[in-house]
Amino acid sequence: MIRIHHVAQARSFRVIWFCEEAGLPYEVVQHSFFDKSLRSPEFLALSPAGRVPAVEIDGQVMFESGAILEYLAETRAPALARAPGQADRITYLEWLHFAETIAVSLAILTQHHIVLREAHMRSPTVMKLEAKRLEKSLIAAARARKGEGVCGQFSAADVALGYGALIGKKFLRFEEPALLDWVAAMEARPAYRAALAKDGEVQIYTEEFYEAPNV
């Protein structure tokens, strides 16, 4: 059994979604960003930064979502991976890890719009710059799709990237046709809908959209 330590809407959602795509049995352990549980000694023993995901699997703990997806794909769902020697291995790895570039912009926007509660703490300039960077990154990923995903057939890379697009809707008004098509295709996937049902009560992005202030 795969045990996924999770906060609703956080990057740990990628692991839940992947398990649904792969048909893997798993257990979700829900946590909160807004109490001290992620800073407890018990949780820090699982994830040294006090963040999710932390996944207990094969007698070990993993705590980086990209590495978790790569490992699970290689060991349990080869159809969602690209093995060494396959022609699209480079493309697969490139986009799987490009998801972290997207995640950095999301994290900065989340911090400024949500975590920093007082207006004087926030930087409107940073918010606008990161929103533009996020938009460019998501459009690049959307245009890279060749059918179901960036490698043609849907893969772990598409789960990693897709999370960024689905959360990105909280900060960007999508207009690019490729981006709109991509999001619609992901939201129509049965595995995505099943994962969403396991996500838990909304804690982070409680508003439909976060508007950048005028500067």
N, C-alpha and C. Protein backbone atom coordinates (compact mmCIF):
# COMPACT_ATOMS: atom_id res chain seq x y z
N MET A 1 0.84 -1.20 0.00
CA MET A 1 0.00 0.00 0.00
C MET A 1 0.88 1.26 0.00
N ILE A 2 0.49 2.24 -0.77
CA ILE A 2 1.17 3.53 -0.82
C ILE A 2 0.43 4.50 0.10
N ARG A 3 1.15 5.05 1.05
CA ARG A 3 0.53 6.02 1.98
C ARG A 3 0.99 7.42 1.59
N ILE A 4 0.02 8.29 1.26
CA ILE A 4 0.30 9.64 0.76
C ILE A 4 -0.09 10.65 1.83
N HIS A 5 0.87 11.37 2.35
CA HIS A 5 0.60 12.48 3.26
C HIS A 5 0.28 13.70 2.41
N HIS A 6 -0.87 14.30 2.68
CA HIS A 6 -1.49 15.20 1.70
C HIS A 6 -2.14 16.39 2.36
N VAL A 7 -2.09 17.53 1.69
CA VAL A 7 -2.90 18.70 2.00
C VAL A 7 -3.69 19.03 0.74
N ALA A 8 -4.97 19.26 0.90
CA ALA A 8 -5.83 19.54 -0.25
C ALA A 8 -5.27 20.68 -1.09
N GLN A 9 -5.23 20.48 -2.39
CA GLN A 9 -4.79 21.43 -3.41
C GLN A 9 -3.27 21.59 -3.48
N ALA A 10 -2.53 20.93 -2.61
CA ALA A 10 -1.07 21.03 -2.64
C ALA A 10 -0.49 20.08 -3.67
N ARG A 11 0.85 20.12 -3.83
CA ARG A 11 1.50 19.30 -4.84
C ARG A 11 1.31 17.80 -4.61
N SER A 12 0.95 17.42 -3.40
CA SER A 12 0.67 16.01 -3.12
C SER A 12 -0.50 15.50 -3.95
N PHE A 13 -1.34 16.42 -4.47
CA PHE A 13 -2.43 16.01 -5.36
C PHE A 13 -1.89 15.28 -6.58
N ARG A 14 -0.69 15.67 -7.03
CA ARG A 14 -0.09 14.99 -8.18
C ARG A 14 0.02 13.48 -7.94
N VAL A 15 0.41 13.10 -6.73
CA VAL A 15 0.62 11.69 -6.43
C VAL A 15 -0.71 10.94 -6.39
N ILE A 16 -1.72 11.58 -5.82
CA ILE A 16 -3.05 10.96 -5.82
C ILE A 16 -3.54 10.77 -7.25
N TRP A 17 -3.41 11.80 -8.05
CA TRP A 17 -3.85 11.72 -9.45
C TRP A 17 -3.09 10.63 -10.18
N PHE A 18 -1.77 10.57 -9.99
CA PHE A 18 -0.99 9.54 -10.65
C PHE A 18 -1.47 8.15 -10.25
N CYS A 19 -1.70 7.93 -8.98
CA CYS A 19 -2.17 6.61 -8.53
C CYS A 19 -3.50 6.25 -9.16
N GLU A 20 -4.36 7.23 -9.35
CA GLU A 20 -5.64 6.97 -10.02
C GLU A 20 -5.41 6.62 -11.49
N GLU A 21 -4.51 7.34 -12.14
CA GLU A 21 -4.21 7.04 -13.55
C GLU A 21 -3.64 5.62 -13.68
N ALA A 22 -2.82 5.23 -12.71
CA ALA A 22 -2.14 3.94 -12.79
C ALA A 22 -2.95 2.79 -12.20
N GLY A 23 -4.06 3.13 -11.52
CA GLY A 23 -4.85 2.09 -10.88
C GLY A 23 -4.16 1.47 -9.67
N LEU A 24 -3.39 2.26 -8.94
CA LEU A 24 -2.63 1.76 -7.80
C LEU A 24 -3.41 1.96 -6.50
N PRO A 25 -3.38 0.99 -5.61
CA PRO A 25 -4.02 1.19 -4.30
C PRO A 25 -3.20 2.16 -3.46
N TYR A 26 -3.88 3.02 -2.73
CA TYR A 26 -3.18 4.00 -1.90
C TYR A 26 -4.08 4.44 -0.75
N GLU A 27 -3.44 5.04 0.24
CA GLU A 27 -4.13 5.60 1.39
C GLU A 27 -3.74 7.06 1.51
N VAL A 28 -4.70 7.92 1.78
CA VAL A 28 -4.44 9.34 1.94
C VAL A 28 -4.49 9.69 3.43
N VAL A 29 -3.44 10.34 3.91
CA VAL A 29 -3.40 10.87 5.27
C VAL A 29 -3.49 12.39 5.16
N GLN A 30 -4.61 12.94 5.58
CA GLN A 30 -4.86 14.37 5.42
C GLN A 30 -4.13 15.17 6.49
N HIS A 31 -3.57 16.31 6.07
CA HIS A 31 -2.91 17.25 6.99
C HIS A 31 -3.44 18.65 6.70
N SER A 32 -3.01 19.60 7.52
CA SER A 32 -3.40 21.00 7.33
C SER A 32 -2.17 21.88 7.29
N PHE A 33 -2.23 22.93 6.47
CA PHE A 33 -1.18 23.94 6.47
C PHE A 33 -1.33 24.90 7.65
N PHE A 34 -2.51 24.93 8.26
CA PHE A 34 -2.84 26.00 9.18
C PHE A 34 -2.87 25.56 10.64
N ASP A 35 -2.28 24.42 10.93
CA ASP A 35 -1.98 24.08 12.31
C ASP A 35 -0.48 23.75 12.35
N LYS A 36 -0.01 23.16 13.43
CA LYS A 36 1.43 22.92 13.57
C LYS A 36 1.83 21.49 13.23
N SER A 37 0.90 20.73 12.63
CA SER A 37 1.18 19.31 12.44
C SER A 37 2.33 19.06 11.47
N LEU A 38 2.49 19.91 10.46
CA LEU A 38 3.58 19.70 9.50
C LEU A 38 4.95 20.09 10.08
N ARG A 39 4.93 20.74 11.25
CA ARG A 39 6.18 21.10 11.93
C ARG A 39 6.49 20.18 13.11
N SER A 40 5.67 19.18 13.29
CA SER A 40 5.90 18.26 14.40
C SER A 40 7.14 17.41 14.13
N PRO A 41 7.83 16.96 15.17
CA PRO A 41 8.99 16.09 14.95
C PRO A 41 8.64 14.83 14.16
N GLU A 42 7.44 14.32 14.37
CA GLU A 42 7.02 13.10 13.67
C GLU A 42 6.92 13.35 12.17
N PHE A 43 6.34 14.49 11.78
CA PHE A 43 6.21 14.75 10.34
C PHE A 43 7.55 15.18 9.74
N LEU A 44 8.35 15.93 10.47
CA LEU A 44 9.65 16.35 9.95
C LEU A 44 10.58 15.16 9.73
N ALA A 45 10.31 14.06 10.43
CA ALA A 45 11.07 12.85 10.17
C ALA A 45 10.72 12.24 8.82
N LEU A 46 9.52 12.58 8.30
CA LEU A 46 9.10 12.12 6.98
C LEU A 46 9.49 13.11 5.89
N SER A 47 9.36 14.39 6.19
CA SER A 47 9.63 15.44 5.19
C SER A 47 10.42 16.55 5.87
N PRO A 48 11.71 16.66 5.62
CA PRO A 48 12.56 17.59 6.38
C PRO A 48 12.18 19.05 6.23
N ALA A 49 11.51 19.42 5.15
CA ALA A 49 11.07 20.81 4.96
C ALA A 49 9.69 21.05 5.56
N GLY A 50 9.06 20.00 6.09
CA GLY A 50 7.72 20.17 6.66
C GLY A 50 6.67 20.46 5.61
N ARG A 51 6.79 19.77 4.46
CA ARG A 51 5.85 20.00 3.36
C ARG A 51 5.31 18.67 2.86
N VAL A 52 4.25 18.75 2.11
CA VAL A 52 3.72 17.57 1.43
C VAL A 52 4.06 17.68 -0.06
N PRO A 53 4.16 16.53 -0.74
CA PRO A 53 3.85 15.20 -0.23
C PRO A 53 5.00 14.60 0.56
N ALA A 54 4.63 13.64 1.42
CA ALA A 54 5.54 12.63 1.91
C ALA A 54 4.83 11.32 1.62
N VAL A 55 5.55 10.39 1.05
CA VAL A 55 4.94 9.13 0.64
C VAL A 55 5.72 7.98 1.26
N GLU A 56 5.00 7.11 1.93
CA GLU A 56 5.60 5.91 2.50
C GLU A 56 5.37 4.77 1.51
N ILE A 57 6.48 4.19 1.05
CA ILE A 57 6.39 3.19 -0.02
C ILE A 57 7.63 2.30 0.01
N ASP A 58 7.42 1.02 -0.16
CA ASP A 58 8.53 0.06 -0.22
C ASP A 58 9.46 0.17 0.98
N GLY A 59 8.88 0.43 2.15
CA GLY A 59 9.67 0.52 3.36
C GLY A 59 10.50 1.78 3.49
N GLN A 60 10.26 2.75 2.62
CA GLN A 60 11.01 4.00 2.64
C GLN A 60 10.04 5.18 2.56
N VAL A 61 10.59 6.38 2.71
CA VAL A 61 9.81 7.61 2.59
C VAL A 61 10.42 8.46 1.49
N MET A 62 9.56 9.00 0.62
CA MET A 62 9.97 9.96 -0.38
C MET A 62 9.21 11.26 -0.15
N PHE A 63 9.85 12.40 -0.47
CA PHE A 63 9.20 13.67 -0.15
C PHE A 63 9.33 14.71 -1.26
N GLU A 64 9.70 14.32 -2.47
CA GLU A 64 9.70 15.24 -3.62
C GLU A 64 8.73 14.69 -4.65
N SER A 65 7.72 15.49 -5.02
CA SER A 65 6.64 14.96 -5.86
C SER A 65 7.13 14.50 -7.23
N GLY A 66 8.08 15.24 -7.84
CA GLY A 66 8.59 14.81 -9.13
C GLY A 66 9.32 13.48 -9.04
N ALA A 67 10.14 13.32 -8.00
CA ALA A 67 10.84 12.05 -7.80
C ALA A 67 9.87 10.92 -7.51
N ILE A 68 8.84 11.22 -6.75
CA ILE A 68 7.82 10.20 -6.43
C ILE A 68 7.14 9.72 -7.70
N LEU A 69 6.73 10.66 -8.55
CA LEU A 69 6.08 10.27 -9.81
C LEU A 69 7.02 9.45 -10.67
N GLU A 70 8.27 9.88 -10.76
CA GLU A 70 9.23 9.15 -11.59
C GLU A 70 9.43 7.72 -11.06
N TYR A 71 9.56 7.58 -9.75
CA TYR A 71 9.77 6.26 -9.15
C TYR A 71 8.55 5.37 -9.32
N LEU A 72 7.37 5.91 -9.04
CA LEU A 72 6.16 5.10 -9.17
C LEU A 72 5.94 4.66 -10.61
N ALA A 73 6.20 5.57 -11.54
CA ALA A 73 6.02 5.21 -12.95
C ALA A 73 6.98 4.09 -13.35
N GLU A 74 8.21 4.21 -12.92
CA GLU A 74 9.20 3.21 -13.32
C GLU A 74 8.97 1.85 -12.66
N THR A 75 8.47 1.85 -11.42
CA THR A 75 8.34 0.59 -10.68
C THR A 75 6.96 -0.03 -10.75
N ARG A 76 5.93 0.77 -11.05
CA ARG A 76 4.58 0.25 -10.96
C ARG A 76 3.70 0.54 -12.17
N ALA A 77 4.08 1.49 -12.98
CA ALA A 77 3.23 1.87 -14.11
C ALA A 77 4.10 2.25 -15.30
N PRO A 78 4.80 1.30 -15.91
CA PRO A 78 5.73 1.63 -17.00
C PRO A 78 5.06 2.31 -18.19
N ALA A 79 3.76 2.10 -18.36
CA ALA A 79 3.06 2.78 -19.46
C ALA A 79 3.03 4.29 -19.26
N LEU A 80 3.19 4.73 -18.00
CA LEU A 80 3.18 6.16 -17.70
C LEU A 80 4.60 6.72 -17.58
N ALA A 81 5.60 5.91 -17.86
CA ALA A 81 7.00 6.33 -17.83
C ALA A 81 7.57 6.27 -19.25
N ARG A 82 8.83 6.67 -19.37
CA ARG A 82 9.59 6.47 -20.59
C ARG A 82 10.94 5.93 -20.16
N ALA A 83 11.21 4.68 -20.47
CA ALA A 83 12.39 3.99 -19.98
C ALA A 83 13.64 4.46 -20.71
N PRO A 84 14.81 4.28 -20.08
CA PRO A 84 16.07 4.57 -20.78
C PRO A 84 16.12 3.81 -22.10
N GLY A 85 16.52 4.52 -23.14
CA GLY A 85 16.59 3.93 -24.46
C GLY A 85 15.40 4.24 -25.34
N GLN A 86 14.26 4.62 -24.72
CA GLN A 86 13.12 5.01 -25.54
C GLN A 86 13.38 6.35 -26.20
N ALA A 87 12.86 6.52 -27.40
CA ALA A 87 13.16 7.70 -28.20
C ALA A 87 12.73 9.00 -27.53
N ASP A 88 11.63 8.96 -26.78
CA ASP A 88 11.13 10.19 -26.17
C ASP A 88 11.50 10.32 -24.69
N ARG A 89 12.50 9.58 -24.24
CA ARG A 89 12.96 9.65 -22.84
C ARG A 89 13.40 11.07 -22.47
N ILE A 90 14.15 11.72 -23.33
CA ILE A 90 14.63 13.07 -23.03
C ILE A 90 13.45 14.03 -22.89
N THR A 91 12.51 13.96 -23.82
CA THR A 91 11.33 14.82 -23.76
C THR A 91 10.56 14.59 -22.47
N TYR A 92 10.38 13.34 -22.13
CA TYR A 92 9.66 12.96 -20.91
C TYR A 92 10.31 13.57 -19.67
N LEU A 93 11.61 13.38 -19.52
CA LEU A 93 12.31 13.90 -18.34
C LEU A 93 12.32 15.42 -18.33
N GLU A 94 12.49 16.03 -19.49
CA GLU A 94 12.50 17.49 -19.57
C GLU A 94 11.21 18.08 -19.02
N TRP A 95 10.07 17.57 -19.51
CA TRP A 95 8.80 18.14 -19.09
C TRP A 95 8.38 17.70 -17.69
N LEU A 96 8.76 16.49 -17.30
CA LEU A 96 8.47 16.06 -15.93
C LEU A 96 9.09 17.03 -14.93
N HIS A 97 10.32 17.46 -15.20
CA HIS A 97 11.00 18.34 -14.25
C HIS A 97 10.73 19.82 -14.52
N PHE A 98 10.28 20.14 -15.72
CA PHE A 98 9.85 21.52 -15.99
C PHE A 98 8.64 21.89 -15.12
N ALA A 99 7.92 20.88 -14.67
CA ALA A 99 6.78 21.13 -13.78
C ALA A 99 7.21 21.88 -12.52
N GLU A 100 8.46 21.70 -12.09
CA GLU A 100 8.93 22.43 -10.92
C GLU A 100 9.18 23.90 -11.23
N THR A 101 9.54 24.22 -12.46
CA THR A 101 9.63 25.63 -12.85
C THR A 101 8.27 26.30 -12.70
N ILE A 102 7.24 25.61 -13.16
CA ILE A 102 5.87 26.11 -13.01
C ILE A 102 5.51 26.22 -11.53
N ALA A 103 5.90 25.22 -10.76
CA ALA A 103 5.54 25.20 -9.34
C ALA A 103 6.17 26.34 -8.55
N VAL A 104 7.36 26.77 -8.96
CA VAL A 104 8.00 27.90 -8.28
C VAL A 104 7.16 29.17 -8.43
N SER A 105 6.70 29.43 -9.64
CA SER A 105 5.83 30.61 -9.84
C SER A 105 4.54 30.48 -9.04
N LEU A 106 3.97 29.30 -9.03
CA LEU A 106 2.75 29.08 -8.24
C LEU A 106 3.00 29.33 -6.76
N ALA A 107 4.14 28.87 -6.26
CA ALA A 107 4.45 29.04 -4.84
C ALA A 107 4.61 30.52 -4.49
N ILE A 108 5.27 31.28 -5.36
CA ILE A 108 5.45 32.71 -5.10
C ILE A 108 4.11 33.43 -5.14
N LEU A 109 3.29 33.11 -6.11
CA LEU A 109 1.97 33.73 -6.19
C LEU A 109 1.11 33.35 -4.99
N THR A 110 1.18 32.11 -4.58
CA THR A 110 0.41 31.67 -3.41
C THR A 110 0.87 32.42 -2.16
N GLN A 111 2.17 32.57 -2.03
CA GLN A 111 2.69 33.29 -0.87
C GLN A 111 2.18 34.73 -0.85
N HIS A 112 2.26 35.41 -1.98
CA HIS A 112 1.89 36.83 -2.00
C HIS A 112 0.39 37.05 -1.91
N HIS A 113 -0.39 36.20 -2.55
CA HIS A 113 -1.84 36.40 -2.54
C HIS A 113 -2.50 35.87 -1.27
N ILE A 114 -1.94 34.82 -0.68
CA ILE A 114 -2.66 34.10 0.37
C ILE A 114 -1.91 34.07 1.69
N VAL A 115 -0.64 33.68 1.66
CA VAL A 115 0.09 33.47 2.91
C VAL A 115 0.41 34.79 3.59
N LEU A 116 0.84 35.79 2.82
CA LEU A 116 1.11 37.11 3.37
C LEU A 116 -0.22 37.86 3.50
N ARG A 117 -0.75 37.85 4.69
CA ARG A 117 -2.13 38.32 4.88
C ARG A 117 -2.28 39.84 4.87
N GLU A 118 -1.22 40.55 5.22
CA GLU A 118 -1.29 42.01 5.27
C GLU A 118 -0.84 42.60 3.94
N ALA A 119 -1.58 43.58 3.46
CA ALA A 119 -1.30 44.17 2.15
C ALA A 119 0.11 44.74 2.06
N HIS A 120 0.61 45.31 3.16
CA HIS A 120 1.93 45.95 3.10
C HIS A 120 3.06 44.92 2.94
N MET A 121 2.77 43.65 3.20
CA MET A 121 3.78 42.60 3.07
C MET A 121 3.96 42.16 1.62
N ARG A 122 2.98 42.43 0.79
CA ARG A 122 2.95 41.90 -0.57
C ARG A 122 3.63 42.85 -1.55
N SER A 123 4.10 42.28 -2.64
CA SER A 123 4.69 43.09 -3.70
C SER A 123 3.84 42.95 -4.96
N PRO A 124 3.09 43.98 -5.33
CA PRO A 124 2.32 43.91 -6.57
C PRO A 124 3.21 43.66 -7.79
N THR A 125 4.42 44.21 -7.77
CA THR A 125 5.33 44.00 -8.90
C THR A 125 5.70 42.53 -9.03
N VAL A 126 6.06 41.89 -7.92
CA VAL A 126 6.39 40.47 -7.95
C VAL A 126 5.19 39.65 -8.41
N MET A 127 4.02 40.00 -7.93
CA MET A 127 2.81 39.26 -8.30
C MET A 127 2.56 39.31 -9.81
N LYS A 128 2.74 40.48 -10.39
CA LYS A 128 2.53 40.60 -11.83
C LYS A 128 3.63 39.89 -12.62
N LEU A 129 4.87 40.02 -12.17
CA LEU A 129 5.97 39.37 -12.88
C LEU A 129 5.83 37.85 -12.84
N GLU A 130 5.48 37.31 -11.69
CA GLU A 130 5.36 35.86 -11.58
C GLU A 130 4.13 35.35 -12.33
N ALA A 131 3.07 36.12 -12.37
CA ALA A 131 1.91 35.72 -13.15
C ALA A 131 2.27 35.64 -14.64
N LYS A 132 3.05 36.58 -15.11
CA LYS A 132 3.46 36.57 -16.52
C LYS A 132 4.40 35.39 -16.79
N ARG A 133 5.31 35.12 -15.85
CA ARG A 133 6.22 33.98 -16.01
C ARG A 133 5.43 32.67 -16.01
N LEU A 134 4.46 32.57 -15.13
CA LEU A 134 3.62 31.38 -15.07
C LEU A 134 2.86 31.19 -16.39
N GLU A 135 2.31 32.28 -16.90
CA GLU A 135 1.57 32.20 -18.15
C GLU A 135 2.45 31.69 -19.29
N LYS A 136 3.65 32.22 -19.41
CA LYS A 136 4.56 31.79 -20.48
C LYS A 136 4.92 30.31 -20.33
N SER A 137 5.15 29.87 -19.10
CA SER A 137 5.52 28.47 -18.86
C SER A 137 4.37 27.54 -19.20
N LEU A 138 3.16 27.91 -18.80
CA LEU A 138 2.01 27.05 -19.07
C LEU A 138 1.69 27.00 -20.56
N ILE A 139 1.81 28.11 -21.24
CA ILE A 139 1.56 28.10 -22.69
C ILE A 139 2.58 27.22 -23.39
N ALA A 140 3.84 27.28 -22.95
CA ALA A 140 4.87 26.42 -23.55
C ALA A 140 4.52 24.95 -23.36
N ALA A 141 4.06 24.58 -22.17
CA ALA A 141 3.69 23.19 -21.91
C ALA A 141 2.47 22.78 -22.72
N ALA A 142 1.50 23.68 -22.82
CA ALA A 142 0.28 23.36 -23.58
C ALA A 142 0.60 23.15 -25.05
N ARG A 143 1.47 23.97 -25.60
CA ARG A 143 1.82 23.86 -27.03
C ARG A 143 2.72 22.65 -27.30
N ALA A 144 3.33 22.10 -26.25
CA ALA A 144 4.20 20.94 -26.43
C ALA A 144 3.42 19.63 -26.55
N ARG A 145 2.16 19.65 -26.22
CA ARG A 145 1.37 18.42 -26.27
C ARG A 145 1.26 17.89 -27.70
N LYS A 146 1.33 16.57 -27.80
CA LYS A 146 1.21 15.89 -29.10
C LYS A 146 0.17 14.79 -28.94
N GLY A 147 -1.07 15.20 -28.89
CA GLY A 147 -2.12 14.24 -28.59
C GLY A 147 -2.53 14.35 -27.15
N GLU A 148 -2.48 13.24 -26.41
CA GLU A 148 -2.87 13.28 -25.01
C GLU A 148 -1.85 13.96 -24.12
N GLY A 149 -0.59 13.98 -24.52
CA GLY A 149 0.42 14.52 -23.63
C GLY A 149 1.66 14.98 -24.37
N VAL A 150 2.66 15.39 -23.60
CA VAL A 150 3.88 15.95 -24.18
C VAL A 150 4.72 14.89 -24.90
N CYS A 151 4.46 13.62 -24.60
CA CYS A 151 5.12 12.52 -25.32
C CYS A 151 4.14 11.76 -26.20
N GLY A 152 3.02 12.36 -26.50
CA GLY A 152 1.97 11.68 -27.26
C GLY A 152 1.02 10.98 -26.32
N GLN A 153 1.38 9.79 -25.89
CA GLN A 153 0.59 9.07 -24.91
C GLN A 153 0.75 9.72 -23.54
N PHE A 154 -0.34 9.80 -22.77
CA PHE A 154 -0.33 10.42 -21.45
C PHE A 154 0.71 9.75 -20.56
N SER A 155 1.43 10.56 -19.75
CA SER A 155 2.50 10.03 -18.92
C SER A 155 2.54 10.77 -17.58
N ALA A 156 3.46 10.34 -16.72
CA ALA A 156 3.66 11.00 -15.44
C ALA A 156 4.01 12.47 -15.63
N ALA A 157 4.69 12.80 -16.71
CA ALA A 157 5.02 14.20 -16.98
C ALA A 157 3.76 15.05 -17.11
N ASP A 158 2.72 14.48 -17.69
CA ASP A 158 1.48 15.24 -17.87
C ASP A 158 0.74 15.44 -16.56
N VAL A 159 0.88 14.51 -15.63
CA VAL A 159 0.32 14.71 -14.30
C VAL A 159 1.04 15.86 -13.60
N ALA A 160 2.37 15.83 -13.65
CA ALA A 160 3.15 16.88 -13.00
C ALA A 160 2.85 18.25 -13.58
N LEU A 161 2.83 18.34 -14.90
CA LEU A 161 2.53 19.62 -15.55
C LEU A 161 1.08 20.03 -15.35
N GLY A 162 0.19 19.06 -15.43
CA GLY A 162 -1.23 19.35 -15.36
C GLY A 162 -1.64 19.99 -14.06
N TYR A 163 -1.04 19.56 -12.95
CA TYR A 163 -1.33 20.18 -11.66
C TYR A 163 -1.06 21.68 -11.73
N GLY A 164 0.06 22.05 -12.36
CA GLY A 164 0.39 23.47 -12.47
C GLY A 164 -0.64 24.26 -13.23
N ALA A 165 -1.18 23.68 -14.29
CA ALA A 165 -2.20 24.38 -15.08
C ALA A 165 -3.50 24.51 -14.30
N LEU A 166 -3.86 23.45 -13.60
CA LEU A 166 -5.13 23.46 -12.88
C LEU A 166 -5.13 24.44 -11.71
N ILE A 167 -3.99 24.58 -11.04
CA ILE A 167 -3.87 25.59 -9.99
C ILE A 167 -3.63 26.97 -10.61
N GLY A 168 -2.95 26.99 -11.74
CA GLY A 168 -2.69 28.26 -12.41
C GLY A 168 -3.95 29.03 -12.76
N LYS A 169 -5.06 28.33 -12.92
CA LYS A 169 -6.34 29.00 -13.20
C LYS A 169 -6.75 29.94 -12.08
N LYS A 170 -6.19 29.76 -10.90
CA LYS A 170 -6.51 30.64 -9.77
C LYS A 170 -5.88 32.02 -9.92
N PHE A 171 -4.85 32.11 -10.77
CA PHE A 171 -4.10 33.35 -10.89
C PHE A 171 -4.11 33.95 -12.30
N LEU A 172 -4.49 33.16 -13.29
CA LEU A 172 -4.48 33.62 -14.68
C LEU A 172 -5.84 33.41 -15.32
N ARG A 173 -6.22 34.34 -16.18
CA ARG A 173 -7.43 34.15 -16.99
C ARG A 173 -6.95 33.58 -18.33
N PHE A 174 -7.17 32.30 -18.52
CA PHE A 174 -6.64 31.62 -19.70
C PHE A 174 -7.36 32.09 -20.96
N GLU A 175 -6.57 32.45 -21.96
CA GLU A 175 -7.10 32.85 -23.26
C GLU A 175 -6.48 32.05 -24.40
N GLU A 176 -5.26 31.58 -24.21
CA GLU A 176 -4.55 30.81 -25.23
C GLU A 176 -5.34 29.54 -25.57
N PRO A 177 -5.72 29.32 -26.84
CA PRO A 177 -6.52 28.14 -27.19
C PRO A 177 -5.89 26.81 -26.77
N ALA A 178 -4.58 26.69 -26.95
CA ALA A 178 -3.91 25.44 -26.57
C ALA A 178 -4.03 25.19 -25.07
N LEU A 179 -3.97 26.25 -24.30
CA LEU A 179 -4.08 26.13 -22.85
C LEU A 179 -5.50 25.76 -22.44
N LEU A 180 -6.47 26.36 -23.06
CA LEU A 180 -7.87 26.03 -22.77
C LEU A 180 -8.18 24.58 -23.13
N ASP A 181 -7.68 24.14 -24.27
CA ASP A 181 -7.90 22.76 -24.69
C ASP A 181 -7.24 21.78 -23.73
N TRP A 182 -6.03 22.11 -23.29
CA TRP A 182 -5.28 21.25 -22.37
C TRP A 182 -6.04 21.07 -21.06
N VAL A 183 -6.47 22.17 -20.47
CA VAL A 183 -7.18 22.10 -19.19
C VAL A 183 -8.48 21.32 -19.33
N ALA A 184 -9.21 21.57 -20.40
CA ALA A 184 -10.47 20.86 -20.62
C ALA A 184 -10.23 19.35 -20.74
N ALA A 185 -9.17 18.98 -21.45
CA ALA A 185 -8.85 17.56 -21.62
C ALA A 185 -8.50 16.92 -20.29
N MET A 186 -7.73 17.61 -19.45
CA MET A 186 -7.36 17.06 -18.14
C MET A 186 -8.57 16.92 -17.24
N GLU A 187 -9.40 17.94 -17.21
CA GLU A 187 -10.55 17.92 -16.32
C GLU A 187 -11.57 16.85 -16.73
N ALA A 188 -11.49 16.41 -17.97
CA ALA A 188 -12.40 15.36 -18.45
C ALA A 188 -11.88 13.95 -18.14
N ARG A 189 -10.66 13.82 -17.69
CA ARG A 189 -10.09 12.50 -17.43
C ARG A 189 -10.73 11.87 -16.20
N PRO A 190 -11.21 10.64 -16.31
CA PRO A 190 -11.82 9.98 -15.14
C PRO A 190 -10.88 9.91 -13.94
N ALA A 191 -9.61 9.66 -14.19
CA ALA A 191 -8.66 9.56 -13.07
C ALA A 191 -8.50 10.90 -12.36
N TYR A 192 -8.51 12.00 -13.13
CA TYR A 192 -8.44 13.32 -12.50
C TYR A 192 -9.67 13.55 -11.63
N ARG A 193 -10.84 13.22 -12.13
CA ARG A 193 -12.06 13.43 -11.36
C ARG A 193 -12.08 12.57 -10.10
N ALA A 194 -11.57 11.34 -10.22
CA ALA A 194 -11.49 10.46 -9.06
C ALA A 194 -10.53 11.02 -8.02
N ALA A 195 -9.40 11.56 -8.48
CA ALA A 195 -8.43 12.15 -7.56
C ALA A 195 -9.01 13.38 -6.87
N LEU A 196 -9.74 14.18 -7.62
CA LEU A 196 -10.35 15.39 -7.06
C LEU A 196 -11.30 15.03 -5.92
N ALA A 197 -11.98 13.90 -6.05
CA ALA A 197 -12.90 13.45 -5.01
C ALA A 197 -12.17 13.05 -3.74
N LYS A 198 -10.88 12.73 -3.85
CA LYS A 198 -10.07 12.35 -2.69
C LYS A 198 -9.26 13.52 -2.14
N ASP A 199 -9.34 14.67 -2.79
CA ASP A 199 -8.47 15.79 -2.46
C ASP A 199 -8.68 16.29 -1.05
N GLY A 200 -9.91 16.35 -0.60
CA GLY A 200 -10.21 16.84 0.74
C GLY A 200 -10.77 18.24 0.74
N GLU A 201 -11.08 18.73 1.92
CA GLU A 201 -11.68 20.05 2.07
C GLU A 201 -10.71 21.14 1.68
N VAL A 202 -11.18 22.09 0.90
CA VAL A 202 -10.33 23.19 0.41
C VAL A 202 -9.77 23.97 1.59
N GLN A 203 -8.46 24.18 1.57
CA GLN A 203 -7.80 24.95 2.62
C GLN A 203 -7.02 26.14 2.08
N ILE A 204 -6.43 25.98 0.92
CA ILE A 204 -5.47 26.99 0.43
C ILE A 204 -6.15 28.01 -0.46
N TYR A 205 -6.68 27.55 -1.59
CA TYR A 205 -7.26 28.45 -2.60
C TYR A 205 -8.76 28.52 -2.41
N THR A 206 -9.17 29.32 -1.43
CA THR A 206 -10.58 29.37 -1.06
C THR A 206 -11.38 30.30 -1.98
N GLU A 207 -10.69 31.10 -2.78
CA GLU A 207 -11.38 31.99 -3.72
C GLU A 207 -11.27 31.41 -5.13
N GLU A 208 -12.23 31.75 -5.95
CA GLU A 208 -12.24 31.25 -7.32
C GLU A 208 -11.08 31.82 -8.13
N PHE A 209 -10.75 33.09 -7.87
CA PHE A 209 -9.68 33.74 -8.63
C PHE A 209 -9.01 34.80 -7.76
N TYR A 210 -7.68 34.94 -7.93
CA TYR A 210 -6.89 35.90 -7.16
C TYR A 210 -6.36 36.96 -8.13
N GLU A 211 -6.92 38.12 -8.04
CA GLU A 211 -6.60 39.21 -8.96
C GLU A 211 -5.34 39.92 -8.50
N ALA A 212 -4.42 40.17 -9.42
CA ALA A 212 -3.23 40.94 -9.09
C ALA A 212 -3.61 42.40 -8.92
N PRO A 213 -3.06 43.10 -7.92
CA PRO A 213 -3.40 44.51 -7.73
C PRO A 213 -2.85 45.38 -8.85
N ASN A 214 -3.48 46.51 -9.06
CA ASN A 214 -2.99 47.46 -10.07
C ASN A 214 -1.77 48.18 -9.52
N VAL A 215 -0.77 48.34 -10.39
CA VAL A 215 0.42 49.08 -9.98
C VAL A 215 0.74 50.13 -11.04
